[in-house]
């Protein structure tokens, strides 16, 4: 349990550096990689890495990370809003609307009050 919480802290630090006016993707990636080393089965670091890749236009790399996150959540029996929302955004970018809508709906199922997938669907 302690490793999981420490890994989540590193993911949080990565998130801080991955967003904002002047994101530092390299620093964010470093924190996500540290989280992966601490808790290799965690679904959270791949979502962060996927978000970085998506932000850099590396859509297929992002999809791979989101799928890795979903695999990890199935093993832990956890919902995964972030991976579904990220996949939805990636599929929208690729023009694969059926898959994007499916993933948006799954993101809403994982977090019913989420605004981003609702806006994506609109």
PDB file of N, CA and C in Angstrom:
ATOM      1  N   UNK A   1       0.819  -1.192   0.000  1.00  0.00           N
ATOM      2  CA  UNK A   1       0.000   0.000   0.000  1.00  0.00           C
ATOM      3  C   UNK A   1       0.862   1.254   0.000  1.00  0.00           C
ATOM      4  N   UNK A   2       1.969   1.241   0.759  1.00  0.00           N
ATOM      5  CA  UNK A   2       2.846   2.399   0.827  1.00  0.00           C
ATOM      6  C   UNK A   2       3.481   2.718  -0.508  1.00  0.00           C
ATOM      7  N   UNK A   3       3.868   1.665  -1.251  1.00  0.00           N
ATOM      8  CA  UNK A   3       4.457   1.882  -2.578  1.00  0.00           C
ATOM      9  C   UNK A   3       3.439   2.502  -3.523  1.00  0.00           C
ATOM     10  N   UNK A   4       2.207   2.061  -3.409  1.00  0.00           N
ATOM     11  CA  UNK A   4       1.154   2.582  -4.273  1.00  0.00           C
ATOM     12  C   UNK A   4       0.943   4.079  -4.031  1.00  0.00           C
ATOM     13  N   UNK A   5       0.922   4.486  -2.784  1.00  0.00           N
ATOM     14  CA  UNK A   5       0.729   5.903  -2.450  1.00  0.00           C
ATOM     15  C   UNK A   5       1.928   6.739  -2.911  1.00  0.00           C
ATOM     16  N   UNK A   6       3.131   6.198  -2.751  1.00  0.00           N
ATOM     17  CA  UNK A   6       4.316   6.917  -3.204  1.00  0.00           C
ATOM     18  C   UNK A   6       4.293   7.067  -4.726  1.00  0.00           C
ATOM     19  N   UNK A   7       3.916   6.012  -5.419  1.00  0.00           N
ATOM     20  CA  UNK A   7       3.814   6.078  -6.880  1.00  0.00           C
ATOM     21  C   UNK A   7       2.778   7.121  -7.298  1.00  0.00           C
ATOM     22  N   UNK A   8       1.657   7.171  -6.585  1.00  0.00           N
ATOM     23  CA  UNK A   8       0.630   8.170  -6.899  1.00  0.00           C
ATOM     24  C   UNK A   8       1.160   9.589  -6.700  1.00  0.00           C
ATOM     25  N   UNK A   9       2.019   9.774  -5.699  1.00  0.00           N
ATOM     26  CA  UNK A   9       2.612  11.097  -5.475  1.00  0.00           C
ATOM     27  C   UNK A   9       3.489  11.490  -6.659  1.00  0.00           C
ATOM     28  N   UNK A  10       4.267  10.542  -7.180  1.00  0.00           N
ATOM     29  CA  UNK A  10       5.092  10.830  -8.349  1.00  0.00           C
ATOM     30  C   UNK A  10       4.234  11.124  -9.578  1.00  0.00           C
ATOM     31  N   UNK A  11       3.129  10.402  -9.719  1.00  0.00           N
ATOM     32  CA  UNK A  11       2.214  10.684 -10.830  1.00  0.00           C
ATOM     33  C   UNK A  11       1.669  12.103 -10.685  1.00  0.00           C
ATOM     34  N   UNK A  12       1.313  12.488  -9.475  1.00  0.00           N
ATOM     35  CA  UNK A  12       0.824  13.850  -9.237  1.00  0.00           C
ATOM     36  C   UNK A  12       1.858  14.895  -9.615  1.00  0.00           C
ATOM     37  N   UNK A  13       3.125  14.645  -9.272  1.00  0.00           N
ATOM     38  CA  UNK A  13       4.185  15.571  -9.665  1.00  0.00           C
ATOM     39  C   UNK A  13       4.324  15.625 -11.186  1.00  0.00           C
ATOM     40  N   UNK A  14       4.209  14.463 -11.820  1.00  0.00           N
ATOM     41  CA  UNK A  14       4.246  14.439 -13.281  1.00  0.00           C
ATOM     42  C   UNK A  14       3.113  15.246 -13.878  1.00  0.00           C
ATOM     43  N   UNK A  15       1.917  15.087 -13.302  1.00  0.00           N
ATOM     44  CA  UNK A  15       0.752  15.831 -13.794  1.00  0.00           C
ATOM     45  C   UNK A  15       0.967  17.335 -13.688  1.00  0.00           C
ATOM     46  N   UNK A  16       1.591  17.776 -12.602  1.00  0.00           N
ATOM     47  CA  UNK A  16       1.846  19.205 -12.410  1.00  0.00           C
ATOM     48  C   UNK A  16       2.727  19.740 -13.536  1.00  0.00           C
ATOM     49  N   UNK A  17       3.712  18.957 -13.949  1.00  0.00           N
ATOM     50  CA  UNK A  17       4.645  19.414 -14.979  1.00  0.00           C
ATOM     51  C   UNK A  17       4.124  19.186 -16.397  1.00  0.00           C
ATOM     52  N   UNK A  18       3.096  18.355 -16.547  1.00  0.00           N
ATOM     53  CA  UNK A  18       2.583  18.028 -17.879  1.00  0.00           C
ATOM     54  C   UNK A  18       1.521  18.999 -18.373  1.00  0.00           C
ATOM     55  N   UNK A  19       0.980  19.812 -17.493  1.00  0.00           N
ATOM     56  CA  UNK A  19      -0.091  20.733 -17.885  1.00  0.00           C
ATOM     57  C   UNK A  19       0.320  22.166 -17.604  1.00  0.00           C
ATOM     58  N   UNK A  20      -0.475  23.081 -18.065  1.00  0.00           N
ATOM     59  CA  UNK A  20      -0.218  24.484 -17.789  1.00  0.00           C
ATOM     60  C   UNK A  20       0.218  25.233 -19.021  1.00  0.00           C
ATOM     61  N   UNK A  21       0.592  26.468 -18.819  1.00  0.00           N
ATOM     62  CA  UNK A  21       0.970  27.348 -19.911  1.00  0.00           C
ATOM     63  C   UNK A  21       2.281  26.894 -20.550  1.00  0.00           C
ATOM     64  N   UNK A  22       3.221  26.474 -19.732  1.00  0.00           N
ATOM     65  CA  UNK A  22       4.538  26.073 -20.230  1.00  0.00           C
ATOM     66  C   UNK A  22       4.891  24.690 -19.677  1.00  0.00           C
ATOM     67  N   UNK A  23       4.265  23.620 -20.213  1.00  0.00           N
ATOM     68  CA  UNK A  23       4.516  22.294 -19.665  1.00  0.00           C
ATOM     69  C   UNK A  23       5.956  21.835 -19.894  1.00  0.00           C
ATOM     70  N   UNK A  24       6.457  21.049 -18.968  1.00  0.00           N
ATOM     71  CA  UNK A  24       7.792  20.463 -19.067  1.00  0.00           C
ATOM     72  C   UNK A  24       7.603  18.952 -19.205  1.00  0.00           C
ATOM     73  N   UNK A  25       7.410  18.507 -20.445  1.00  0.00           N
ATOM     74  CA  UNK A  25       7.102  17.103 -20.695  1.00  0.00           C
ATOM     75  C   UNK A  25       8.231  16.170 -20.269  1.00  0.00           C
ATOM     76  N   UNK A  26       9.475  16.620 -20.418  1.00  0.00           N
ATOM     77  CA  UNK A  26      10.602  15.769 -20.037  1.00  0.00           C
ATOM     78  C   UNK A  26      10.602  15.516 -18.529  1.00  0.00           C
ATOM     79  N   UNK A  27      10.381  16.566 -17.766  1.00  0.00           N
ATOM     80  CA  UNK A  27      10.341  16.421 -16.314  1.00  0.00           C
ATOM     81  C   UNK A  27       9.140  15.563 -15.904  1.00  0.00           C
ATOM     82  N   UNK A  28       7.989  15.797 -16.547  1.00  0.00           N
ATOM     83  CA  UNK A  28       6.796  15.003 -16.253  1.00  0.00           C
ATOM     84  C   UNK A  28       7.053  13.529 -16.548  1.00  0.00           C
ATOM     85  N   UNK A  29       7.669  13.258 -17.693  1.00  0.00           N
ATOM     86  CA  UNK A  29       7.963  11.867 -18.041  1.00  0.00           C
ATOM     87  C   UNK A  29       8.855  11.216 -16.989  1.00  0.00           C
ATOM     88  N   UNK A  30       9.834  11.968 -16.485  1.00  0.00           N
ATOM     89  CA  UNK A  30      10.716  11.437 -15.447  1.00  0.00           C
ATOM     90  C   UNK A  30       9.943  11.014 -14.205  1.00  0.00           C
ATOM     91  N   UNK A  31       8.980  11.830 -13.791  1.00  0.00           N
ATOM     92  CA  UNK A  31       8.175  11.472 -12.618  1.00  0.00           C
ATOM     93  C   UNK A  31       7.296  10.253 -12.899  1.00  0.00           C
ATOM     94  N   UNK A  32       6.719  10.186 -14.109  1.00  0.00           N
ATOM     95  CA  UNK A  32       5.898   9.022 -14.453  1.00  0.00           C
ATOM     96  C   UNK A  32       6.745   7.746 -14.476  1.00  0.00           C
ATOM     97  N   UNK A  33       7.957   7.850 -14.985  1.00  0.00           N
ATOM     98  CA  UNK A  33       8.852   6.679 -15.029  1.00  0.00           C
ATOM     99  C   UNK A  33       9.236   6.246 -13.612  1.00  0.00           C
ATOM    100  N   UNK A  34       9.452   7.210 -12.719  1.00  0.00           N
ATOM    101  CA  UNK A  34       9.747   6.860 -11.326  1.00  0.00           C
ATOM    102  C   UNK A  34       8.557   6.132 -10.704  1.00  0.00           C
ATOM    103  N   UNK A  35       7.353   6.610 -10.989  1.00  0.00           N
ATOM    104  CA  UNK A  35       6.152   5.964 -10.464  1.00  0.00           C
ATOM    105  C   UNK A  35       6.047   4.527 -10.983  1.00  0.00           C
ATOM    106  N   UNK A  36       6.377   4.327 -12.256  1.00  0.00           N
ATOM    107  CA  UNK A  36       6.350   2.970 -12.822  1.00  0.00           C
ATOM    108  C   UNK A  36       7.321   2.043 -12.104  1.00  0.00           C
ATOM    109  N   UNK A  37       8.494   2.564 -11.753  1.00  0.00           N
ATOM    110  CA  UNK A  37       9.487   1.741 -11.060  1.00  0.00           C
ATOM    111  C   UNK A  37       9.026   1.384  -9.651  1.00  0.00           C
ATOM    112  N   UNK A  38       8.373   2.299  -8.996  1.00  0.00           N
ATOM    113  CA  UNK A  38       7.915   2.074  -7.618  1.00  0.00           C
ATOM    114  C   UNK A  38       6.747   1.096  -7.586  1.00  0.00           C
ATOM    115  N   UNK A  39       5.804   1.256  -8.502  1.00  0.00           N
ATOM    116  CA  UNK A  39       4.605   0.406  -8.552  1.00  0.00           C
ATOM    117  C   UNK A  39       4.363  -0.016 -10.008  1.00  0.00           C
ATOM    118  N   UNK A  40       5.089  -1.051 -10.470  1.00  0.00           N
ATOM    119  CA  UNK A  40       5.033  -1.435 -11.883  1.00  0.00           C
ATOM    120  C   UNK A  40       3.642  -1.804 -12.397  1.00  0.00           C
ATOM    121  N   UNK A  41       2.762  -2.223 -11.550  1.00  0.00           N
ATOM    122  CA  UNK A  41       1.425  -2.621 -11.993  1.00  0.00           C
ATOM    123  C   UNK A  41       0.397  -1.512 -11.952  1.00  0.00           C
ATOM    124  N   UNK A  42       0.824  -0.304 -11.607  1.00  0.00           N
ATOM    125  CA  UNK A  42      -0.115   0.806 -11.486  1.00  0.00           C
ATOM    126  C   UNK A  42      -0.620   1.259 -12.848  1.00  0.00           C
ATOM    127  N   UNK A  43      -1.914   1.521 -12.962  1.00  0.00           N
ATOM    128  CA  UNK A  43      -2.453   2.034 -14.220  1.00  0.00           C
ATOM    129  C   UNK A  43      -2.243   3.534 -14.406  1.00  0.00           C
ATOM    130  N   UNK A  44      -1.813   4.229 -13.385  1.00  0.00           N
ATOM    131  CA  UNK A  44      -1.733   5.690 -13.436  1.00  0.00           C
ATOM    132  C   UNK A  44      -0.571   6.248 -14.283  1.00  0.00           C
ATOM    133  N   UNK A  45       0.658   5.729 -14.147  1.00  0.00           N
ATOM    134  CA  UNK A  45       1.740   6.284 -14.975  1.00  0.00           C
ATOM    135  C   UNK A  45       1.487   6.182 -16.484  1.00  0.00           C
ATOM    136  N   UNK A  46       0.931   5.074 -16.988  1.00  0.00           N
ATOM    137  CA  UNK A  46       0.681   5.041 -18.429  1.00  0.00           C
ATOM    138  C   UNK A  46      -0.310   6.108 -18.904  1.00  0.00           C
ATOM    139  N   UNK A  47      -1.269   6.466 -18.072  1.00  0.00           N
ATOM    140  CA  UNK A  47      -2.197   7.538 -18.459  1.00  0.00           C
ATOM    141  C   UNK A  47      -1.436   8.852 -18.593  1.00  0.00           C
ATOM    142  N   UNK A  48      -0.569   9.141 -17.641  1.00  0.00           N
ATOM    143  CA  UNK A  48       0.228  10.359 -17.718  1.00  0.00           C
ATOM    144  C   UNK A  48       1.111  10.382 -18.956  1.00  0.00           C
ATOM    145  N   UNK A  49       1.776   9.254 -19.218  1.00  0.00           N
ATOM    146  CA  UNK A  49       2.620   9.173 -20.416  1.00  0.00           C
ATOM    147  C   UNK A  49       1.771   9.309 -21.677  1.00  0.00           C
ATOM    148  N   UNK A  50       0.606   8.680 -21.683  1.00  0.00           N
ATOM    149  CA  UNK A  50      -0.286   8.802 -22.834  1.00  0.00           C
ATOM    150  C   UNK A  50      -0.707  10.243 -23.064  1.00  0.00           C
ATOM    151  N   UNK A  51      -0.970  10.957 -21.978  1.00  0.00           N
ATOM    152  CA  UNK A  51      -1.361  12.368 -22.109  1.00  0.00           C
ATOM    153  C   UNK A  51      -0.220  13.203 -22.698  1.00  0.00           C
ATOM    154  N   UNK A  52       1.016  12.892 -22.283  1.00  0.00           N
ATOM    155  CA  UNK A  52       2.169  13.601 -22.855  1.00  0.00           C
ATOM    156  C   UNK A  52       2.259  13.324 -24.349  1.00  0.00           C
ATOM    157  N   UNK A  53       2.192  12.052 -24.717  1.00  0.00           N
ATOM    158  CA  UNK A  53       2.329  11.690 -26.137  1.00  0.00           C
ATOM    159  C   UNK A  53       1.198  12.317 -26.957  1.00  0.00           C
ATOM    160  N   UNK A  54      -0.001  12.288 -26.405  1.00  0.00           N
ATOM    161  CA  UNK A  54      -1.133  12.882 -27.113  1.00  0.00           C
ATOM    162  C   UNK A  54      -0.899  14.379 -27.319  1.00  0.00           C
ATOM    163  N   UNK A  55      -0.402  15.050 -26.285  1.00  0.00           N
ATOM    164  CA  UNK A  55      -0.112  16.474 -26.381  1.00  0.00           C
ATOM    165  C   UNK A  55       0.979  16.798 -27.392  1.00  0.00           C
ATOM    166  N   UNK A  56       1.835  15.829 -27.666  1.00  0.00           N
ATOM    167  CA  UNK A  56       2.916  16.013 -28.634  1.00  0.00           C
ATOM    168  C   UNK A  56       2.534  15.504 -30.021  1.00  0.00           C
ATOM    169  N   UNK A  57       1.296  15.043 -30.164  1.00  0.00           N
ATOM    170  CA  UNK A  57       0.852  14.545 -31.462  1.00  0.00           C
ATOM    171  C   UNK A  57       1.262  13.119 -31.761  1.00  0.00           C
ATOM    172  N   UNK A  58       1.794  12.421 -30.778  1.00  0.00           N
ATOM    173  CA  UNK A  58       2.204  11.017 -30.951  1.00  0.00           C
ATOM    174  C   UNK A  58       1.014  10.126 -30.582  1.00  0.00           C
ATOM    175  N   UNK A  59       0.007  10.177 -31.406  1.00  0.00           N
ATOM    176  CA  UNK A  59      -1.292   9.585 -31.086  1.00  0.00           C
ATOM    177  C   UNK A  59      -1.202   8.077 -30.901  1.00  0.00           C
ATOM    178  N   UNK A  60      -0.506   7.380 -31.772  1.00  0.00           N
ATOM    179  CA  UNK A  60      -0.437   5.921 -31.653  1.00  0.00           C
ATOM    180  C   UNK A  60       0.348   5.495 -30.415  1.00  0.00           C
ATOM    181  N   UNK A  61       1.386   6.242 -30.054  1.00  0.00           N
ATOM    182  CA  UNK A  61       2.109   5.970 -28.805  1.00  0.00           C
ATOM    183  C   UNK A  61       1.190   6.180 -27.604  1.00  0.00           C
ATOM    184  N   UNK A  62       0.389   7.247 -27.668  1.00  0.00           N
ATOM    185  CA  UNK A  62      -0.560   7.538 -26.590  1.00  0.00           C
ATOM    186  C   UNK A  62      -1.567   6.405 -26.445  1.00  0.00           C
ATOM    187  N   UNK A  63      -2.095   5.928 -27.558  1.00  0.00           N
ATOM    188  CA  UNK A  63      -3.066   4.830 -27.518  1.00  0.00           C
ATOM    189  C   UNK A  63      -2.455   3.606 -26.843  1.00  0.00           C
ATOM    190  N   UNK A  64      -1.206   3.305 -27.146  1.00  0.00           N
ATOM    191  CA  UNK A  64      -0.532   2.174 -26.500  1.00  0.00           C
ATOM    192  C   UNK A  64      -0.450   2.336 -24.996  1.00  0.00           C
ATOM    193  N   UNK A  65      -0.176   3.543 -24.533  1.00  0.00           N
ATOM    194  CA  UNK A  65      -0.107   3.800 -23.091  1.00  0.00           C
ATOM    195  C   UNK A  65      -1.482   3.663 -22.442  1.00  0.00           C
ATOM    196  N   UNK A  66      -2.495   4.206 -23.083  1.00  0.00           N
ATOM    197  CA  UNK A  66      -3.850   4.103 -22.525  1.00  0.00           C
ATOM    198  C   UNK A  66      -4.293   2.642 -22.468  1.00  0.00           C
ATOM    199  N   UNK A  67      -3.958   1.869 -23.479  1.00  0.00           N
ATOM    200  CA  UNK A  67      -4.316   0.445 -23.469  1.00  0.00           C
ATOM    201  C   UNK A  67      -3.563  -0.305 -22.372  1.00  0.00           C
ATOM    202  N   UNK A  68      -2.308   0.072 -22.128  1.00  0.00           N
ATOM    203  CA  UNK A  68      -1.547  -0.532 -21.024  1.00  0.00           C
ATOM    204  C   UNK A  68      -2.213  -0.202 -19.689  1.00  0.00           C
ATOM    205  N   UNK A  69      -2.707   1.008 -19.559  1.00  0.00           N
ATOM    206  CA  UNK A  69      -3.402   1.398 -18.334  1.00  0.00           C
ATOM    207  C   UNK A  69      -4.666   0.570 -18.132  1.00  0.00           C
ATOM    208  N   UNK A  70      -5.420   0.382 -19.214  1.00  0.00           N
ATOM    209  CA  UNK A  70      -6.648  -0.414 -19.103  1.00  0.00           C
ATOM    210  C   UNK A  70      -6.346  -1.846 -18.715  1.00  0.00           C
ATOM    211  N   UNK A  71      -5.267  -2.392 -19.241  1.00  0.00           N
ATOM    212  CA  UNK A  71      -4.867  -3.756 -18.871  1.00  0.00           C
ATOM    213  C   UNK A  71      -4.557  -3.823 -17.369  1.00  0.00           C
ATOM    214  N   UNK A  72      -3.839  -2.826 -16.879  1.00  0.00           N
ATOM    215  CA  UNK A  72      -3.498  -2.789 -15.453  1.00  0.00           C
ATOM    216  C   UNK A  72      -4.742  -2.640 -14.583  1.00  0.00           C
ATOM    217  N   UNK A  73      -5.713  -1.840 -15.031  1.00  0.00           N
ATOM    218  CA  UNK A  73      -6.920  -1.667 -14.223  1.00  0.00           C
ATOM    219  C   UNK A  73      -7.751  -2.937 -14.192  1.00  0.00           C
ATOM    220  N   UNK A  74      -7.749  -3.685 -15.283  1.00  0.00           N
ATOM    221  CA  UNK A  74      -8.472  -4.971 -15.268  1.00  0.00           C
ATOM    222  C   UNK A  74      -7.848  -5.914 -14.250  1.00  0.00           C
ATOM    223  N   UNK A  75      -6.525  -5.899 -14.143  1.00  0.00           N
ATOM    224  CA  UNK A  75      -5.852  -6.761 -13.179  1.00  0.00           C
ATOM    225  C   UNK A  75      -6.122  -6.326 -11.748  1.00  0.00           C
ATOM    226  N   UNK A  76      -6.385  -5.051 -11.541  1.00  0.00           N
ATOM    227  CA  UNK A  76      -6.666  -4.537 -10.192  1.00  0.00           C
ATOM    228  C   UNK A  76      -8.150  -4.313  -9.947  1.00  0.00           C
ATOM    229  N   UNK A  77      -8.961  -4.595 -10.938  1.00  0.00           N
ATOM    230  CA  UNK A  77     -10.417  -4.404 -10.841  1.00  0.00           C
ATOM    231  C   UNK A  77     -10.774  -2.974 -10.424  1.00  0.00           C
ATOM    232  N   UNK A  78     -10.188  -2.010 -11.102  1.00  0.00           N
ATOM    233  CA  UNK A  78     -10.439  -0.596 -10.830  1.00  0.00           C
ATOM    234  C   UNK A  78     -11.026   0.058 -12.074  1.00  0.00           C
ATOM    235  N   UNK A  79     -11.864   1.064 -11.914  1.00  0.00           N
ATOM    236  CA  UNK A  79     -12.290   1.843 -13.080  1.00  0.00           C
ATOM    237  C   UNK A  79     -11.137   2.737 -13.536  1.00  0.00           C
ATOM    238  N   UNK A  80     -11.116   3.107 -14.800  1.00  0.00           N
ATOM    239  CA  UNK A  80     -10.023   3.919 -15.318  1.00  0.00           C
ATOM    240  C   UNK A  80     -10.561   5.040 -16.191  1.00  0.00           C
ATOM    241  N   UNK A  81     -10.980   6.101 -15.560  1.00  0.00           N
ATOM    242  CA  UNK A  81     -11.493   7.263 -16.282  1.00  0.00           C
ATOM    243  C   UNK A  81     -10.442   7.818 -17.241  1.00  0.00           C
ATOM    244  N   UNK A  82      -9.231   8.022 -16.740  1.00  0.00           N
ATOM    245  CA  UNK A  82      -8.191   8.686 -17.515  1.00  0.00           C
ATOM    246  C   UNK A  82      -7.856   7.984 -18.814  1.00  0.00           C
ATOM    247  N   UNK A  83      -7.748   6.668 -18.774  1.00  0.00           N
ATOM    248  CA  UNK A  83      -7.410   5.919 -19.995  1.00  0.00           C
ATOM    249  C   UNK A  83      -8.547   5.996 -21.003  1.00  0.00           C
ATOM    250  N   UNK A  84      -9.779   5.871 -20.538  1.00  0.00           N
ATOM    251  CA  UNK A  84     -10.920   5.952 -21.461  1.00  0.00           C
ATOM    252  C   UNK A  84     -11.037   7.358 -22.062  1.00  0.00           C
ATOM    253  N   UNK A  85     -10.868   8.388 -21.238  1.00  0.00           N
ATOM    254  CA  UNK A  85     -10.942   9.762 -21.747  1.00  0.00           C
ATOM    255  C   UNK A  85      -9.808  10.037 -22.730  1.00  0.00           C
ATOM    256  N   UNK A  86      -8.621   9.533 -22.419  1.00  0.00           N
ATOM    257  CA  UNK A  86      -7.491   9.716 -23.325  1.00  0.00           C
ATOM    258  C   UNK A  86      -7.690   8.997 -24.644  1.00  0.00           C
ATOM    259  N   UNK A  87      -8.186   7.768 -24.565  1.00  0.00           N
ATOM    260  CA  UNK A  87      -8.470   7.030 -25.804  1.00  0.00           C
ATOM    261  C   UNK A  87      -9.523   7.748 -26.636  1.00  0.00           C
ATOM    262  N   UNK A  88     -10.531   8.275 -25.977  1.00  0.00           N
ATOM    263  CA  UNK A  88     -11.565   9.014 -26.704  1.00  0.00           C
ATOM    264  C   UNK A  88     -10.946  10.187 -27.461  1.00  0.00           C
ATOM    265  N   UNK A  89     -10.092  10.948 -26.792  1.00  0.00           N
ATOM    266  CA  UNK A  89      -9.453  12.093 -27.446  1.00  0.00           C
ATOM    267  C   UNK A  89      -8.578  11.639 -28.612  1.00  0.00           C
ATOM    268  N   UNK A  90      -7.836  10.561 -28.409  1.00  0.00           N
ATOM    269  CA  UNK A  90      -6.963  10.048 -29.473  1.00  0.00           C
ATOM    270  C   UNK A  90      -7.779   9.599 -30.675  1.00  0.00           C
ATOM    271  N   UNK A  91      -8.856   8.868 -30.418  1.00  0.00           N
ATOM    272  CA  UNK A  91      -9.689   8.386 -31.518  1.00  0.00           C
ATOM    273  C   UNK A  91     -10.399   9.542 -32.238  1.00  0.00           C
ATOM    274  N   UNK A  92     -10.806  10.561 -31.494  1.00  0.00           N
ATOM    275  CA  UNK A  92     -11.379  11.744 -32.150  1.00  0.00           C
ATOM    276  C   UNK A  92     -10.333  12.371 -33.077  1.00  0.00           C
ATOM    277  N   UNK A  93      -9.084  12.478 -32.591  1.00  0.00           N
ATOM    278  CA  UNK A  93      -8.018  13.054 -33.412  1.00  0.00           C
ATOM    279  C   UNK A  93      -7.778  12.250 -34.688  1.00  0.00           C
ATOM    280  N   UNK A  94      -7.959  10.937 -34.606  1.00  0.00           N
ATOM    281  CA  UNK A  94      -7.754  10.070 -35.765  1.00  0.00           C
ATOM    282  C   UNK A  94      -8.985   9.988 -36.667  1.00  0.00           C
ATOM    283  N   UNK A  95     -10.085  10.587 -36.225  1.00  0.00           N
ATOM    284  CA  UNK A  95     -11.319  10.520 -37.007  1.00  0.00           C
ATOM    285  C   UNK A  95     -12.037   9.193 -36.875  1.00  0.00           C
ATOM    286  N   UNK A  96     -11.701   8.429 -35.857  1.00  0.00           N
ATOM    287  CA  UNK A  96     -12.354   7.146 -35.601  1.00  0.00           C
ATOM    288  C   UNK A  96     -13.477   7.387 -34.584  1.00  0.00           C
ATOM    289  N   UNK A  97     -14.554   7.949 -35.079  1.00  0.00           N
ATOM    290  CA  UNK A  97     -15.606   8.473 -34.213  1.00  0.00           C
ATOM    291  C   UNK A  97     -16.372   7.404 -33.454  1.00  0.00           C
ATOM    292  N   UNK A  98     -16.598   6.246 -34.046  1.00  0.00           N
ATOM    293  CA  UNK A  98     -17.309   5.187 -33.337  1.00  0.00           C
ATOM    294  C   UNK A  98     -16.525   4.781 -32.090  1.00  0.00           C
ATOM    295  N   UNK A  99     -15.207   4.579 -32.257  1.00  0.00           N
ATOM    296  CA  UNK A  99     -14.370   4.222 -31.108  1.00  0.00           C
ATOM    297  C   UNK A  99     -14.284   5.372 -30.101  1.00  0.00           C
ATOM    298  N   UNK A 100     -14.234   6.585 -30.599  1.00  0.00           N
ATOM    299  CA  UNK A 100     -14.167   7.753 -29.716  1.00  0.00           C
ATOM    300  C   UNK A 100     -15.426   7.870 -28.860  1.00  0.00           C
ATOM    301  N   UNK A 101     -16.564   7.674 -29.481  1.00  0.00           N
ATOM    302  CA  UNK A 101     -17.830   7.746 -28.740  1.00  0.00           C
ATOM    303  C   UNK A 101     -17.906   6.629 -27.703  1.00  0.00           C
ATOM    304  N   UNK A 102     -17.480   5.439 -28.085  1.00  0.00           N
ATOM    305  CA  UNK A 102     -17.481   4.302 -27.151  1.00  0.00           C
ATOM    306  C   UNK A 102     -16.603   4.606 -25.933  1.00  0.00           C
ATOM    307  N   UNK A 103     -15.407   5.133 -26.177  1.00  0.00           N
ATOM    308  CA  UNK A 103     -14.499   5.432 -25.065  1.00  0.00           C
ATOM    309  C   UNK A 103     -14.999   6.608 -24.225  1.00  0.00           C
ATOM    310  N   UNK A 104     -15.626   7.585 -24.854  1.00  0.00           N
ATOM    311  CA  UNK A 104     -16.213   8.697 -24.092  1.00  0.00           C
ATOM    312  C   UNK A 104     -17.288   8.182 -23.150  1.00  0.00           C
ATOM    313  N   UNK A 105     -18.120   7.284 -23.644  1.00  0.00           N
ATOM    314  CA  UNK A 105     -19.169   6.705 -22.803  1.00  0.00           C
ATOM    315  C   UNK A 105     -18.586   5.881 -21.659  1.00  0.00           C
ATOM    316  N   UNK A 106     -17.500   5.176 -21.923  1.00  0.00           N
ATOM    317  CA  UNK A 106     -16.846   4.416 -20.843  1.00  0.00           C
ATOM    318  C   UNK A 106     -16.226   5.353 -19.812  1.00  0.00           C
ATOM    319  N   UNK A 107     -15.672   6.467 -20.266  1.00  0.00           N
ATOM    320  CA  UNK A 107     -15.124   7.449 -19.329  1.00  0.00           C
ATOM    321  C   UNK A 107     -16.230   8.005 -18.442  1.00  0.00           C
ATOM    322  N   UNK A 108     -17.375   8.287 -19.037  1.00  0.00           N
ATOM    323  CA  UNK A 108     -18.518   8.778 -18.256  1.00  0.00           C
ATOM    324  C   UNK A 108     -18.981   7.715 -17.275  1.00  0.00           C
ATOM    325  N   UNK A 109     -18.953   6.455 -17.689  1.00  0.00           N
ATOM    326  CA  UNK A 109     -19.316   5.373 -16.774  1.00  0.00           C
ATOM    327  C   UNK A 109     -18.375   5.276 -15.592  1.00  0.00           C
ATOM    328  N   UNK A 110     -17.087   5.551 -15.824  1.00  0.00           N
ATOM    329  CA  UNK A 110     -16.107   5.499 -14.740  1.00  0.00           C
ATOM    330  C   UNK A 110     -16.186   6.722 -13.834  1.00  0.00           C
ATOM    331  N   UNK A 111     -16.592   7.871 -14.398  1.00  0.00           N
ATOM    332  CA  UNK A 111     -16.719   9.106 -13.620  1.00  0.00           C
ATOM    333  C   UNK A 111     -17.922   9.878 -14.170  1.00  0.00           C
ATOM    334  N   UNK A 112     -19.114   9.581 -13.638  1.00  0.00           N
ATOM    335  CA  UNK A 112     -20.354  10.144 -14.205  1.00  0.00           C
ATOM    336  C   UNK A 112     -20.423  11.670 -14.284  1.00  0.00           C
ATOM    337  N   UNK A 113     -19.733  12.376 -13.444  1.00  0.00           N
ATOM    338  CA  UNK A 113     -19.810  13.839 -13.463  1.00  0.00           C
ATOM    339  C   UNK A 113     -18.706  14.485 -14.296  1.00  0.00           C
ATOM    340  N   UNK A 114     -18.004  13.696 -15.070  1.00  0.00           N
ATOM    341  CA  UNK A 114     -16.882  14.215 -15.850  1.00  0.00           C
ATOM    342  C   UNK A 114     -17.372  15.123 -16.971  1.00  0.00           C
ATOM    343  N   UNK A 115     -16.757  16.262 -17.084  1.00  0.00           N
ATOM    344  CA  UNK A 115     -17.157  17.256 -18.085  1.00  0.00           C
ATOM    345  C   UNK A 115     -16.512  16.979 -19.450  1.00  0.00           C
ATOM    346  N   UNK A 116     -15.229  16.617 -19.458  1.00  0.00           N
ATOM    347  CA  UNK A 116     -14.506  16.490 -20.728  1.00  0.00           C
ATOM    348  C   UNK A 116     -15.142  15.492 -21.678  1.00  0.00           C
ATOM    349  N   UNK A 117     -15.468  14.255 -21.243  1.00  0.00           N
ATOM    350  CA  UNK A 117     -16.096  13.351 -22.216  1.00  0.00           C
ATOM    351  C   UNK A 117     -17.475  13.829 -22.671  1.00  0.00           C
ATOM    352  N   UNK A 118     -18.190  14.529 -21.798  1.00  0.00           N
ATOM    353  CA  UNK A 118     -19.489  15.072 -22.217  1.00  0.00           C
ATOM    354  C   UNK A 118     -19.297  16.131 -23.292  1.00  0.00           C
ATOM    355  N   UNK A 119     -18.288  16.959 -23.124  1.00  0.00           N
ATOM    356  CA  UNK A 119     -17.998  17.969 -24.143  1.00  0.00           C
ATOM    357  C   UNK A 119     -17.520  17.330 -25.443  1.00  0.00           C
ATOM    358  N   UNK A 120     -16.726  16.270 -25.332  1.00  0.00           N
ATOM    359  CA  UNK A 120     -16.267  15.571 -26.529  1.00  0.00           C
ATOM    360  C   UNK A 120     -17.455  14.993 -27.303  1.00  0.00           C
ATOM    361  N   UNK A 121     -18.410  14.458 -26.586  1.00  0.00           N
ATOM    362  CA  UNK A 121     -19.577  13.890 -27.250  1.00  0.00           C
ATOM    363  C   UNK A 121     -20.450  14.968 -27.892  1.00  0.00           C
ATOM    364  N   UNK A 122     -20.490  16.143 -27.269  1.00  0.00           N
ATOM    365  CA  UNK A 122     -21.306  17.231 -27.813  1.00  0.00           C
ATOM    366  C   UNK A 122     -20.721  17.691 -29.121  1.00  0.00           C
TER     367      UNK A 122
END
